[in-house]
Amino acid sequence: PTFQMFSDQMFSVKQKNVRIVHFSGHGSTKDGLLWFEDPASAKSAMDSAKVSIHSFTQLFEPVAAGSAEGGTVECVFLNACESETVGEGLRECGVPYVVCWRTVVQDPSALLFARAFYTALDHEPRNYKLAFIQATKRMQPINCAQGSLDVVCFLSKDGPIEVHEPRNYFSKNGDVADDADLPNHMHHLPLHLPPPA
């Protein structure tokens, strides 16, 4: 979406009782998140607009569950490269939990992690830390031929940053692994971990 489209949608977040906001796109430490350019002013369909981290994070101040305004957004998942700085800004605006990437993240890793995170939330709704832990367990290496490290972070109102460094996770043919490629203990079963302290 364009930043304006996203901004417009944020007006109805409280009224719709939105608890999770998921951003999937491109990011960088220097520029924050990249947005599509408004079609009316874009030179090509692939033009991107840079929006300051502050402009993005301020949209969450009135809707964050931890804000003075008492919003509903409990978790923001930034499935974009180098989005930790944006995540820290969201925490400062009152978002209780943020999932973000410290490093550049490969598309297969981002997809697998998101799938595992939301599968875990389906089993334990609103337990974001447990979902993060379970998703990182799904990221254990099976075939690390590519060998890069994708570092995912969990920023929490409850304390220090949790960081996990999963290796890229590919099936034998190089595609994102699906359940058929997973060892039996890694299928979509909830892991019984102790509750967060």
Protein backbone atom coordinates (compact mmCIF):
# COMPACT_ATOMS: atom_id res chain seq x y z
CA PRO A 1 0.00 0.00 0.00
CA THR A 2 0.94 3.64 -0.09
CA PHE A 3 1.65 5.30 3.23
CA GLN A 4 -1.50 7.42 2.82
CA MET A 5 -3.65 4.30 2.35
CA PHE A 6 -2.12 2.73 5.47
CA SER A 7 -2.56 5.95 7.43
CA ASP A 8 -6.24 6.16 6.43
CA GLN A 9 -6.83 2.56 7.59
CA MET A 10 -5.35 3.36 11.01
CA PHE A 11 -8.37 5.61 11.77
CA SER A 12 -10.64 2.56 12.11
CA VAL A 13 -8.27 0.33 14.11
CA LYS A 14 -9.81 1.07 17.52
CA GLN A 15 -13.37 0.82 16.29
CA LYS A 16 -12.63 -2.57 14.66
CA ASN A 17 -10.85 -3.81 17.81
CA VAL A 18 -7.67 -4.64 15.88
CA ARG A 19 -5.13 -6.42 18.10
CA ILE A 20 -2.36 -7.22 15.58
CA VAL A 21 -1.00 -5.10 12.73
CA HIS A 22 1.15 -6.98 10.22
CA PHE A 23 3.46 -5.11 7.84
CA SER A 24 5.08 -7.16 5.09
CA GLY A 25 7.38 -5.26 2.78
CA HIS A 26 10.82 -3.71 2.50
CA GLY A 27 12.81 -1.89 5.12
CA SER A 28 16.27 -0.64 5.94
CA THR A 29 17.96 0.75 9.02
CA LYS A 30 18.57 4.06 7.28
CA ASP A 31 15.15 4.57 5.68
CA GLY A 32 12.74 2.66 7.89
CA LEU A 33 9.93 1.06 5.88
CA LEU A 34 9.48 1.60 2.16
CA TRP A 35 6.03 2.33 0.76
CA PHE A 36 4.63 2.34 -2.75
CA GLU A 37 4.56 5.80 -4.30
CA ASP A 38 1.16 7.37 -4.87
CA PRO A 39 0.18 6.15 -8.39
CA ALA A 40 -0.68 9.72 -9.42
CA SER A 41 2.90 10.92 -8.84
CA ALA A 42 4.88 7.71 -9.49
CA LYS A 43 7.07 7.45 -12.57
CA SER A 44 6.75 3.65 -12.53
CA ALA A 45 4.71 1.02 -10.69
CA MET A 46 7.79 0.08 -8.64
CA ASP A 47 8.62 3.55 -7.28
CA SER A 48 8.88 3.66 -3.52
CA ALA A 49 8.29 6.48 -1.08
CA LYS A 50 10.42 7.02 2.00
CA VAL A 51 8.46 7.93 5.11
CA SER A 52 10.25 8.82 8.33
CA ILE A 53 10.22 6.28 11.13
CA HIS A 54 8.65 8.93 13.37
CA SER A 55 5.78 9.52 10.90
CA PHE A 56 5.01 5.80 10.87
CA THR A 57 5.30 5.14 14.59
CA GLN A 58 3.19 8.17 15.54
CA LEU A 59 0.21 6.57 13.80
CA PHE A 60 0.22 3.99 16.61
CA GLU A 61 0.26 6.37 19.56
CA PRO A 62 -3.54 6.73 19.80
CA VAL A 63 -4.26 3.05 19.04
CA ALA A 64 -1.56 1.16 20.98
CA ALA A 65 -2.85 -0.96 23.86
CA GLY A 66 -0.18 0.50 26.15
CA SER A 67 -0.82 4.14 25.27
CA ALA A 68 -2.50 6.77 27.43
CA GLU A 69 -5.46 6.69 25.00
CA GLY A 70 -6.05 2.98 25.74
CA GLY A 71 -6.01 1.57 22.22
CA THR A 72 -6.45 -2.02 21.08
CA VAL A 73 -3.22 -2.80 19.15
CA GLU A 74 -1.24 -5.28 21.23
CA CYS A 75 1.30 -6.50 18.68
CA VAL A 76 2.89 -5.21 15.50
CA PHE A 77 4.71 -7.69 13.26
CA LEU A 78 7.20 -5.92 10.97
CA ASN A 79 8.08 -8.59 8.43
CA ALA A 80 10.66 -6.38 6.73
CA CYS A 81 14.44 -6.20 6.61
CA GLU A 82 16.26 -4.20 9.28
CA SER A 83 13.05 -3.11 11.02
CA GLU A 84 14.32 -3.16 14.62
CA THR A 85 14.68 0.63 14.81
CA VAL A 86 11.05 1.00 13.69
CA GLY A 87 10.08 -1.60 16.30
CA GLU A 88 11.82 0.36 19.04
CA GLY A 89 9.85 3.44 17.98
CA LEU A 90 6.60 1.47 18.18
CA ARG A 91 7.46 0.32 21.71
CA GLU A 92 8.07 3.97 22.68
CA CYS A 93 4.58 4.79 21.35
CA GLY A 94 3.00 2.18 23.62
CA VAL A 95 2.74 -0.96 21.44
CA PRO A 96 3.25 -3.74 24.02
CA TYR A 97 4.84 -6.32 21.67
CA VAL A 98 6.75 -5.98 18.41
CA VAL A 99 8.22 -8.69 16.20
CA CYS A 100 10.87 -7.34 13.83
CA TRP A 101 14.09 -8.23 12.01
CA ARG A 102 17.49 -6.92 13.06
CA THR A 103 19.11 -7.97 9.78
CA VAL A 104 18.26 -8.34 6.14
CA VAL A 105 15.87 -11.30 5.99
CA GLN A 106 15.48 -13.71 3.11
CA ASP A 107 11.92 -14.10 1.78
CA PRO A 108 11.70 -17.84 2.59
CA SER A 109 12.74 -17.21 6.20
CA ALA A 110 10.28 -14.32 6.58
CA LEU A 111 7.44 -16.40 5.16
CA LEU A 112 8.19 -19.45 7.28
CA PHE A 113 8.58 -17.43 10.46
CA ALA A 114 5.30 -15.55 9.91
CA ARG A 115 3.44 -18.77 9.16
CA ALA A 116 4.80 -20.42 12.31
CA PHE A 117 4.10 -17.32 14.45
CA TYR A 118 0.44 -17.13 13.44
CA THR A 119 -0.03 -20.91 13.73
CA ALA A 120 1.23 -20.69 17.31
CA LEU A 121 -1.11 -17.74 18.02
CA ASP A 122 -4.00 -19.83 16.71
CA HIS A 123 -3.26 -22.34 19.49
CA GLU A 124 -2.55 -19.73 22.22
CA PRO A 125 -4.36 -16.49 21.26
CA ARG A 126 -2.73 -13.27 22.46
CA ASN A 127 0.34 -15.04 23.90
CA TYR A 128 2.78 -13.21 21.62
CA LYS A 129 5.96 -14.19 23.44
CA LEU A 130 5.07 -17.88 23.32
CA ALA A 131 4.20 -17.55 19.63
CA PHE A 132 7.61 -15.95 19.03
CA ILE A 133 9.39 -18.76 20.88
CA GLN A 134 7.45 -21.44 19.01
CA ALA A 135 8.11 -19.78 15.66
CA THR A 136 11.84 -19.66 16.37
CA LYS A 137 11.76 -23.38 17.12
CA ARG A 138 10.36 -23.91 13.63
CA MET A 139 13.34 -22.03 12.19
CA GLN A 140 15.97 -24.59 13.21
CA PRO A 141 18.18 -25.45 10.23
CA ILE A 142 17.42 -28.45 8.06
CA ASN A 143 19.39 -27.55 4.96
CA CYS A 144 21.56 -24.47 5.47
CA ALA A 145 23.18 -24.53 2.04
CA GLN A 146 22.73 -20.77 1.75
CA GLY A 147 24.22 -20.20 5.20
CA SER A 148 23.00 -16.65 5.88
CA LEU A 149 21.72 -15.58 9.26
CA ASP A 150 18.35 -13.87 9.64
CA VAL A 151 18.07 -12.33 13.11
CA VAL A 152 14.52 -11.88 14.42
CA CYS A 153 13.67 -9.88 17.57
CA PHE A 154 10.81 -9.73 20.04
CA LEU A 155 10.48 -6.35 21.75
CA SER A 156 8.30 -6.52 24.83
CA LYS A 157 6.80 -4.31 27.51
CA ASP A 158 7.87 -7.05 29.93
CA GLY A 159 11.59 -6.59 29.60
CA PRO A 160 14.68 -7.02 27.49
CA ILE A 161 14.74 -7.88 23.82
CA GLU A 162 14.51 -11.55 22.89
CA VAL A 163 16.67 -12.33 19.87
CA HIS A 164 16.79 -15.48 17.79
CA GLU A 165 19.16 -16.15 14.94
CA PRO A 166 17.49 -18.78 12.78
CA ARG A 167 19.30 -20.00 9.70
CA ASN A 168 17.56 -19.92 6.35
CA TYR A 169 15.23 -22.84 6.14
CA PHE A 170 14.87 -24.53 2.77
CA SER A 171 13.57 -27.84 1.52
CA LYS A 172 15.76 -30.15 -0.57
CA ASN A 173 14.78 -28.39 -3.82
CA GLY A 174 15.56 -24.89 -2.47
CA ASP A 175 11.96 -23.75 -1.92
CA VAL A 176 10.49 -22.78 1.41
CA ALA A 177 9.97 -25.99 3.33
CA ASP A 178 6.40 -27.10 3.84
CA ASP A 179 5.08 -29.60 6.37
CA ALA A 180 6.05 -32.55 4.15
CA ASP A 181 9.71 -31.49 4.47
CA LEU A 182 9.62 -31.04 8.24
CA PRO A 183 10.80 -33.66 10.68
CA ASN A 184 7.88 -35.20 12.58
CA HIS A 185 8.53 -33.18 15.75
CA MET A 186 8.21 -29.87 13.83
CA HIS A 187 4.71 -30.24 12.38
CA HIS A 188 1.96 -27.83 13.44
CA LEU A 189 1.72 -29.08 17.01
CA PRO A 190 1.76 -26.64 19.89
CA LEU A 191 4.95 -26.80 21.92
CA HIS A 192 4.35 -27.08 25.63
CA LEU A 193 6.72 -24.45 26.98
CA PRO A 194 6.46 -22.83 30.39
CA PRO A 195 4.43 -19.60 30.35
CA PRO A 196 6.41 -16.36 30.08
CA ALA A 197 7.67 -15.12 33.43
